[in-house]
Amino acid sequence: MGYAVSGATTLAASDTTATSVVMPGANVYKGRQSRTAMITGLTAGSNVFTAKYKRIGASGTATFSDRDITVVGIP
C-alpha cells in the first residue's frame, strides 16, 4: 500500500514510499503492516491523501482489508 497526494500538491504513488509483502508461492499472509513517513515540501492549502494498492506477479486476486491512512499536519 502506498499513497498519492492531490490538491495543492501533486505526488504520484511510488513503490519506494510504500509498504509491501512478498509472498512466496500461493501462501496467504494474514497480518498487519505499517509505515510512517515524513513528507516535506507540500504546498500550503488543501491536500488529499489517497491510499493506493498494487499487485505484482502471477495472476490471481489480491485482497486488502482493515486499511487505514492517517495524516498529521506538523507546522
PDB file of N, CA and C in Angstrom:
ATOM      1  N   MET A   1       0.842  -1.167   0.000  1.00  0.00           N
ATOM      2  CA  MET A   1       0.000   0.000   0.000  1.00  0.00           C
ATOM      3  C   MET A   1       0.887   1.229   0.000  1.00  0.00           C
ATOM      4  N   GLY A   2       0.566   2.134  -0.856  1.00  0.00           N
ATOM      5  CA  GLY A   2       1.254   3.407  -0.919  1.00  0.00           C
ATOM      6  C   GLY A   2       0.230   4.526  -0.855  1.00  0.00           C
ATOM      7  N   TYR A   3       0.620   5.701  -1.254  1.00  0.00           N
ATOM      8  CA  TYR A   3      -0.292   6.838  -1.223  1.00  0.00           C
ATOM      9  C   TYR A   3       0.028   7.782  -2.373  1.00  0.00           C
ATOM     10  N   ALA A   4      -0.988   8.515  -2.760  1.00  0.00           N
ATOM     11  CA  ALA A   4      -0.833   9.592  -3.728  1.00  0.00           C
ATOM     12  C   ALA A   4      -1.367  10.851  -3.064  1.00  0.00           C
ATOM     13  N   VAL A   5      -0.880  12.001  -3.490  1.00  0.00           N
ATOM     14  CA  VAL A   5      -1.347  13.277  -2.959  1.00  0.00           C
ATOM     15  C   VAL A   5      -1.883  14.107  -4.116  1.00  0.00           C
ATOM     16  N   SER A   6      -3.056  14.706  -3.911  1.00  0.00           N
ATOM     17  CA  SER A   6      -3.628  15.590  -4.929  1.00  0.00           C
ATOM     18  C   SER A   6      -4.145  16.848  -4.242  1.00  0.00           C
ATOM     19  N   GLY A   7      -4.456  17.831  -5.019  1.00  0.00           N
ATOM     20  CA  GLY A   7      -4.923  19.105  -4.469  1.00  0.00           C
ATOM     21  C   GLY A   7      -3.852  20.147  -4.663  1.00  0.00           C
ATOM     22  N   ALA A   8      -3.492  20.845  -3.579  1.00  0.00           N
ATOM     23  CA  ALA A   8      -2.464  21.879  -3.663  1.00  0.00           C
ATOM     24  C   ALA A   8      -1.109  21.293  -4.071  1.00  0.00           C
ATOM     25  N   THR A   9      -0.886  20.027  -3.720  1.00  0.00           N
ATOM     26  CA  THR A   9       0.346  19.319  -4.077  1.00  0.00           C
ATOM     27  C   THR A   9      -0.032  18.101  -4.898  1.00  0.00           C
ATOM     28  N   THR A  10       0.775  17.733  -5.874  1.00  0.00           N
ATOM     29  CA  THR A  10       0.539  16.515  -6.645  1.00  0.00           C
ATOM     30  C   THR A  10       1.752  15.603  -6.499  1.00  0.00           C
ATOM     31  N   LEU A  11       1.517  14.426  -5.917  1.00  0.00           N
ATOM     32  CA  LEU A  11       2.548  13.385  -5.815  1.00  0.00           C
ATOM     33  C   LEU A  11       1.923  12.070  -6.249  1.00  0.00           C
ATOM     34  N   ALA A  12       2.566  11.380  -7.169  1.00  0.00           N
ATOM     35  CA  ALA A  12       2.082  10.071  -7.603  1.00  0.00           C
ATOM     36  C   ALA A  12       2.494   9.013  -6.583  1.00  0.00           C
ATOM     37  N   ALA A  13       1.719   7.947  -6.495  1.00  0.00           N
ATOM     38  CA  ALA A  13       2.091   6.815  -5.643  1.00  0.00           C
ATOM     39  C   ALA A  13       3.410   6.240  -6.136  1.00  0.00           C
ATOM     40  N   SER A  14       4.229   5.751  -5.202  1.00  0.00           N
ATOM     41  CA  SER A  14       5.544   5.242  -5.555  1.00  0.00           C
ATOM     42  C   SER A  14       5.863   3.989  -4.757  1.00  0.00           C
ATOM     43  N   ASP A  15       6.474   3.016  -5.398  1.00  0.00           N
ATOM     44  CA  ASP A  15       6.899   1.804  -4.691  1.00  0.00           C
ATOM     45  C   ASP A  15       7.926   2.122  -3.603  1.00  0.00           C
ATOM     46  N   THR A  16       8.697   3.168  -3.788  1.00  0.00           N
ATOM     47  CA  THR A  16       9.763   3.476  -2.828  1.00  0.00           C
ATOM     48  C   THR A  16       9.218   4.028  -1.516  1.00  0.00           C
ATOM     49  N   THR A  17       7.987   4.519  -1.504  1.00  0.00           N
ATOM     50  CA  THR A  17       7.406   5.027  -0.261  1.00  0.00           C
ATOM     51  C   THR A  17       6.275   4.139   0.253  1.00  0.00           C
ATOM     52  N   ALA A  18       6.094   2.985  -0.349  1.00  0.00           N
ATOM     53  CA  ALA A  18       5.006   2.085   0.034  1.00  0.00           C
ATOM     54  C   ALA A  18       5.496   1.006   1.001  1.00  0.00           C
ATOM     55  N   THR A  19       4.558   0.369   1.670  1.00  0.00           N
ATOM     56  CA  THR A  19       4.865  -0.827   2.446  1.00  0.00           C
ATOM     57  C   THR A  19       4.425  -2.019   1.607  1.00  0.00           C
ATOM     58  N   SER A  20       5.131  -3.136   1.706  1.00  0.00           N
ATOM     59  CA  SER A  20       4.798  -4.266   0.839  1.00  0.00           C
ATOM     60  C   SER A  20       5.072  -5.593   1.526  1.00  0.00           C
ATOM     61  N   VAL A  21       4.454  -6.639   0.977  1.00  0.00           N
ATOM     62  CA  VAL A  21       4.658  -8.010   1.433  1.00  0.00           C
ATOM     63  C   VAL A  21       5.029  -8.837   0.212  1.00  0.00           C
ATOM     64  N   VAL A  22       6.072  -9.632   0.323  1.00  0.00           N
ATOM     65  CA  VAL A  22       6.453 -10.542  -0.754  1.00  0.00           C
ATOM     66  C   VAL A  22       5.967 -11.923  -0.364  1.00  0.00           C
ATOM     67  N   MET A  23       5.111 -12.501  -1.189  1.00  0.00           N
ATOM     68  CA  MET A  23       4.502 -13.799  -0.890  1.00  0.00           C
ATOM     69  C   MET A  23       5.101 -14.890  -1.770  1.00  0.00           C
ATOM     70  N   PRO A  24       5.811 -15.844  -1.189  1.00  0.00           N
ATOM     71  CA  PRO A  24       6.309 -16.965  -1.988  1.00  0.00           C
ATOM     72  C   PRO A  24       5.180 -17.943  -2.298  1.00  0.00           C
ATOM     73  N   GLY A  25       5.111 -18.401  -3.510  1.00  0.00           N
ATOM     74  CA  GLY A  25       4.114 -19.405  -3.875  1.00  0.00           C
ATOM     75  C   GLY A  25       2.698 -18.908  -3.678  1.00  0.00           C
ATOM     76  N   ALA A  26       1.830 -19.799  -3.204  1.00  0.00           N
ATOM     77  CA  ALA A  26       0.414 -19.474  -3.021  1.00  0.00           C
ATOM     78  C   ALA A  26       0.078 -19.252  -1.555  1.00  0.00           C
ATOM     79  N   ASN A  27       1.052 -18.868  -0.762  1.00  0.00           N
ATOM     80  CA  ASN A  27       0.804 -18.640   0.658  1.00  0.00           C
ATOM     81  C   ASN A  27      -0.153 -17.476   0.869  1.00  0.00           C
ATOM     82  N   VAL A  28      -0.787 -17.483   2.012  1.00  0.00           N
ATOM     83  CA  VAL A  28      -1.706 -16.409   2.361  1.00  0.00           C
ATOM     84  C   VAL A  28      -1.124 -15.665   3.549  1.00  0.00           C
ATOM     85  N   TYR A  29      -0.998 -14.369   3.422  1.00  0.00           N
ATOM     86  CA  TYR A  29      -0.473 -13.531   4.502  1.00  0.00           C
ATOM     87  C   TYR A  29      -1.651 -12.926   5.244  1.00  0.00           C
ATOM     88  N   LYS A  30      -1.719 -13.178   6.526  1.00  0.00           N
ATOM     89  CA  LYS A  30      -2.748 -12.550   7.359  1.00  0.00           C
ATOM     90  C   LYS A  30      -2.022 -11.857   8.493  1.00  0.00           C
ATOM     91  N   GLY A  31      -1.902 -10.589   8.395  1.00  0.00           N
ATOM     92  CA  GLY A  31      -1.200  -9.831   9.408  1.00  0.00           C
ATOM     93  C   GLY A  31      -1.310  -8.347   9.116  1.00  0.00           C
ATOM     94  N   ARG A  32      -0.664  -7.578   9.924  1.00  0.00           N
ATOM     95  CA  ARG A  32      -0.703  -6.123   9.764  1.00  0.00           C
ATOM     96  C   ARG A  32       0.675  -5.596   9.403  1.00  0.00           C
ATOM     97  N   GLN A  33       0.670  -4.543   8.653  1.00  0.00           N
ATOM     98  CA  GLN A  33       1.898  -3.831   8.315  1.00  0.00           C
ATOM     99  C   GLN A  33       1.647  -2.356   8.509  1.00  0.00           C
ATOM    100  N   SER A  34       2.704  -1.631   8.761  1.00  0.00           N
ATOM    101  CA  SER A  34       2.567  -0.186   8.845  1.00  0.00           C
ATOM    102  C   SER A  34       3.845   0.476   8.357  1.00  0.00           C
ATOM    103  N   ARG A  35       3.708   1.731   8.036  1.00  0.00           N
ATOM    104  CA  ARG A  35       4.853   2.522   7.596  1.00  0.00           C
ATOM    105  C   ARG A  35       4.579   3.955   7.992  1.00  0.00           C
ATOM    106  N   THR A  36       5.590   4.628   8.496  1.00  0.00           N
ATOM    107  CA  THR A  36       5.492   6.032   8.852  1.00  0.00           C
ATOM    108  C   THR A  36       6.476   6.804   7.984  1.00  0.00           C
ATOM    109  N   ALA A  37       6.033   7.900   7.437  1.00  0.00           N
ATOM    110  CA  ALA A  37       6.910   8.705   6.586  1.00  0.00           C
ATOM    111  C   ALA A  37       6.636  10.179   6.827  1.00  0.00           C
ATOM    112  N   MET A  38       7.689  10.969   6.828  1.00  0.00           N
ATOM    113  CA  MET A  38       7.522  12.419   6.876  1.00  0.00           C
ATOM    114  C   MET A  38       7.638  12.932   5.449  1.00  0.00           C
ATOM    115  N   ILE A  39       6.613  13.620   5.024  1.00  0.00           N
ATOM    116  CA  ILE A  39       6.581  14.145   3.667  1.00  0.00           C
ATOM    117  C   ILE A  39       6.796  15.650   3.757  1.00  0.00           C
ATOM    118  N   THR A  40       7.848  16.138   3.156  1.00  0.00           N
ATOM    119  CA  THR A  40       8.150  17.566   3.201  1.00  0.00           C
ATOM    120  C   THR A  40       7.891  18.198   1.842  1.00  0.00           C
ATOM    121  N   GLY A  41       7.834  19.502   1.823  1.00  0.00           N
ATOM    122  CA  GLY A  41       7.681  20.220   0.562  1.00  0.00           C
ATOM    123  C   GLY A  41       6.258  20.294   0.049  1.00  0.00           C
ATOM    124  N   LEU A  42       5.275  20.015   0.906  1.00  0.00           N
ATOM    125  CA  LEU A  42       3.889  20.124   0.461  1.00  0.00           C
ATOM    126  C   LEU A  42       3.515  21.594   0.301  1.00  0.00           C
ATOM    127  N   THR A  43       2.674  21.872  -0.673  1.00  0.00           N
ATOM    128  CA  THR A  43       2.184  23.217  -0.887  1.00  0.00           C
ATOM    129  C   THR A  43       1.057  23.493   0.100  1.00  0.00           C
ATOM    130  N   ALA A  44       1.090  24.673   0.719  1.00  0.00           N
ATOM    131  CA  ALA A  44       0.032  25.044   1.659  1.00  0.00           C
ATOM    132  C   ALA A  44      -1.316  25.025   0.950  1.00  0.00           C
ATOM    133  N   GLY A  45      -2.335  24.605   1.655  1.00  0.00           N
ATOM    134  CA  GLY A  45      -3.677  24.525   1.085  1.00  0.00           C
ATOM    135  C   GLY A  45      -4.267  23.159   1.349  1.00  0.00           C
ATOM    136  N   SER A  46      -5.241  22.784   0.590  1.00  0.00           N
ATOM    137  CA  SER A  46      -5.919  21.504   0.769  1.00  0.00           C
ATOM    138  C   SER A  46      -5.191  20.409  -0.007  1.00  0.00           C
ATOM    139  N   ASN A  47      -4.705  19.397   0.717  1.00  0.00           N
ATOM    140  CA  ASN A  47      -4.040  18.244   0.104  1.00  0.00           C
ATOM    141  C   ASN A  47      -4.825  16.988   0.458  1.00  0.00           C
ATOM    142  N   VAL A  48      -5.111  16.172  -0.520  1.00  0.00           N
ATOM    143  CA  VAL A  48      -5.869  14.937  -0.322  1.00  0.00           C
ATOM    144  C   VAL A  48      -4.921  13.754  -0.466  1.00  0.00           C
ATOM    145  N   PHE A  49      -4.865  12.899   0.559  1.00  0.00           N
ATOM    146  CA  PHE A  49      -4.028  11.708   0.544  1.00  0.00           C
ATOM    147  C   PHE A  49      -4.922  10.514   0.230  1.00  0.00           C
ATOM    148  N   THR A  50      -4.553   9.732  -0.789  1.00  0.00           N
ATOM    149  CA  THR A  50      -5.350   8.589  -1.225  1.00  0.00           C
ATOM    150  C   THR A  50      -4.498   7.329  -1.166  1.00  0.00           C
ATOM    151  N   ALA A  51      -5.003   6.294  -0.482  1.00  0.00           N
ATOM    152  CA  ALA A  51      -4.299   5.016  -0.425  1.00  0.00           C
ATOM    153  C   ALA A  51      -4.322   4.368  -1.808  1.00  0.00           C
ATOM    154  N   LYS A  52      -3.199   3.770  -2.191  1.00  0.00           N
ATOM    155  CA  LYS A  52      -3.070   3.108  -3.495  1.00  0.00           C
ATOM    156  C   LYS A  52      -2.547   1.698  -3.284  1.00  0.00           C
ATOM    157  N   TYR A  53      -3.062   0.745  -4.051  1.00  0.00           N
ATOM    158  CA  TYR A  53      -2.713  -0.665  -3.901  1.00  0.00           C
ATOM    159  C   TYR A  53      -2.209  -1.214  -5.221  1.00  0.00           C
ATOM    160  N   LYS A  54      -1.334  -2.214  -5.127  1.00  0.00           N
ATOM    161  CA  LYS A  54      -0.738  -2.775  -6.338  1.00  0.00           C
ATOM    162  C   LYS A  54      -0.461  -4.258  -6.109  1.00  0.00           C
ATOM    163  N   ARG A  55      -0.738  -5.059  -7.106  1.00  0.00           N
ATOM    164  CA  ARG A  55      -0.411  -6.482  -7.074  1.00  0.00           C
ATOM    165  C   ARG A  55       0.558  -6.750  -8.203  1.00  0.00           C
ATOM    166  N   ILE A  56       1.651  -7.435  -7.891  1.00  0.00           N
ATOM    167  CA  ILE A  56       2.677  -7.737  -8.889  1.00  0.00           C
ATOM    168  C   ILE A  56       2.814  -9.250  -8.986  1.00  0.00           C
ATOM    169  N   GLY A  57       3.042  -9.761 -10.170  1.00  0.00           N
ATOM    170  CA  GLY A  57       3.353 -11.175 -10.295  1.00  0.00           C
ATOM    171  C   GLY A  57       2.258 -11.983 -10.947  1.00  0.00           C
ATOM    172  N   ALA A  58       2.192 -13.246 -10.532  1.00  0.00           N
ATOM    173  CA  ALA A  58       1.281 -14.219 -11.141  1.00  0.00           C
ATOM    174  C   ALA A  58      -0.162 -13.730 -11.086  1.00  0.00           C
ATOM    175  N   SER A  59      -0.989 -14.318 -11.933  1.00  0.00           N
ATOM    176  CA  SER A  59      -2.391 -13.930 -11.961  1.00  0.00           C
ATOM    177  C   SER A  59      -3.063 -14.333 -10.663  1.00  0.00           C
ATOM    178  N   GLY A  60      -4.168 -13.722 -10.401  1.00  0.00           N
ATOM    179  CA  GLY A  60      -4.908 -14.003  -9.179  1.00  0.00           C
ATOM    180  C   GLY A  60      -5.470 -12.719  -8.611  1.00  0.00           C
ATOM    181  N   THR A  61      -5.980 -12.847  -7.419  1.00  0.00           N
ATOM    182  CA  THR A  61      -6.622 -11.715  -6.777  1.00  0.00           C
ATOM    183  C   THR A  61      -5.894 -11.357  -5.498  1.00  0.00           C
ATOM    184  N   ALA A  62      -5.687 -10.091  -5.287  1.00  0.00           N
ATOM    185  CA  ALA A  62      -5.143  -9.606  -4.018  1.00  0.00           C
ATOM    186  C   ALA A  62      -6.299  -8.968  -3.254  1.00  0.00           C
ATOM    187  N   THR A  63      -6.403  -9.293  -1.987  1.00  0.00           N
ATOM    188  CA  THR A  63      -7.467  -8.755  -1.154  1.00  0.00           C
ATOM    189  C   THR A  63      -6.847  -7.955  -0.020  1.00  0.00           C
ATOM    190  N   PHE A  64      -7.357  -6.762   0.202  1.00  0.00           N
ATOM    191  CA  PHE A  64      -6.864  -5.896   1.261  1.00  0.00           C
ATOM    192  C   PHE A  64      -8.022  -5.598   2.209  1.00  0.00           C
ATOM    193  N   SER A  65      -7.770  -5.640   3.506  1.00  0.00           N
ATOM    194  CA  SER A  65      -8.829  -5.325   4.468  1.00  0.00           C
ATOM    195  C   SER A  65      -8.247  -4.541   5.633  1.00  0.00           C
ATOM    196  N   ASP A  66      -9.118  -3.972   6.434  1.00  0.00           N
ATOM    197  CA  ASP A  66      -8.711  -3.186   7.603  1.00  0.00           C
ATOM    198  C   ASP A  66      -7.665  -2.151   7.232  1.00  0.00           C
ATOM    199  N   ARG A  67      -7.946  -1.381   6.214  1.00  0.00           N
ATOM    200  CA  ARG A  67      -6.989  -0.394   5.706  1.00  0.00           C
ATOM    201  C   ARG A  67      -7.225   0.962   6.359  1.00  0.00           C
ATOM    202  N   ASP A  68      -6.156   1.602   6.752  1.00  0.00           N
ATOM    203  CA  ASP A  68      -6.227   2.935   7.349  1.00  0.00           C
ATOM    204  C   ASP A  68      -5.091   3.785   6.817  1.00  0.00           C
ATOM    205  N   ILE A  69      -5.342   5.058   6.696  1.00  0.00           N
ATOM    206  CA  ILE A  69      -4.296   6.012   6.390  1.00  0.00           C
ATOM    207  C   ILE A  69      -4.521   7.199   7.317  1.00  0.00           C
ATOM    208  N   THR A  70      -3.465   7.625   7.988  1.00  0.00           N
ATOM    209  CA  THR A  70      -3.553   8.743   8.932  1.00  0.00           C
ATOM    210  C   THR A  70      -2.559   9.816   8.505  1.00  0.00           C
ATOM    211  N   VAL A  71      -3.019  11.033   8.448  1.00  0.00           N
ATOM    212  CA  VAL A  71      -2.157  12.150   8.075  1.00  0.00           C
ATOM    213  C   VAL A  71      -2.198  13.157   9.207  1.00  0.00           C
ATOM    214  N   VAL A  72      -1.019  13.576   9.676  1.00  0.00           N
ATOM    215  CA  VAL A  72      -0.917  14.555  10.756  1.00  0.00           C
ATOM    216  C   VAL A  72      -0.134  15.745  10.242  1.00  0.00           C
ATOM    217  N   GLY A  73      -0.735  16.911  10.307  1.00  0.00           N
ATOM    218  CA  GLY A  73      -0.051  18.117   9.875  1.00  0.00           C
ATOM    219  C   GLY A  73       0.893  18.612  10.955  1.00  0.00           C
ATOM    220  N   ILE A  74       2.116  18.930  10.575  1.00  0.00           N
ATOM    221  CA  ILE A  74       3.111  19.462  11.505  1.00  0.00           C
ATOM    222  C   ILE A  74       3.557  20.808  10.953  1.00  0.00           C
ATOM    223  N   PRO A  75       3.243  21.889  11.647  1.00  0.00           N
ATOM    224  CA  PRO A  75       3.606  23.222  11.118  1.00  0.00           C
ATOM    225  C   PRO A  75       5.103  23.455  11.119  1.00  0.00           C
TER     226      PRO A  75
END
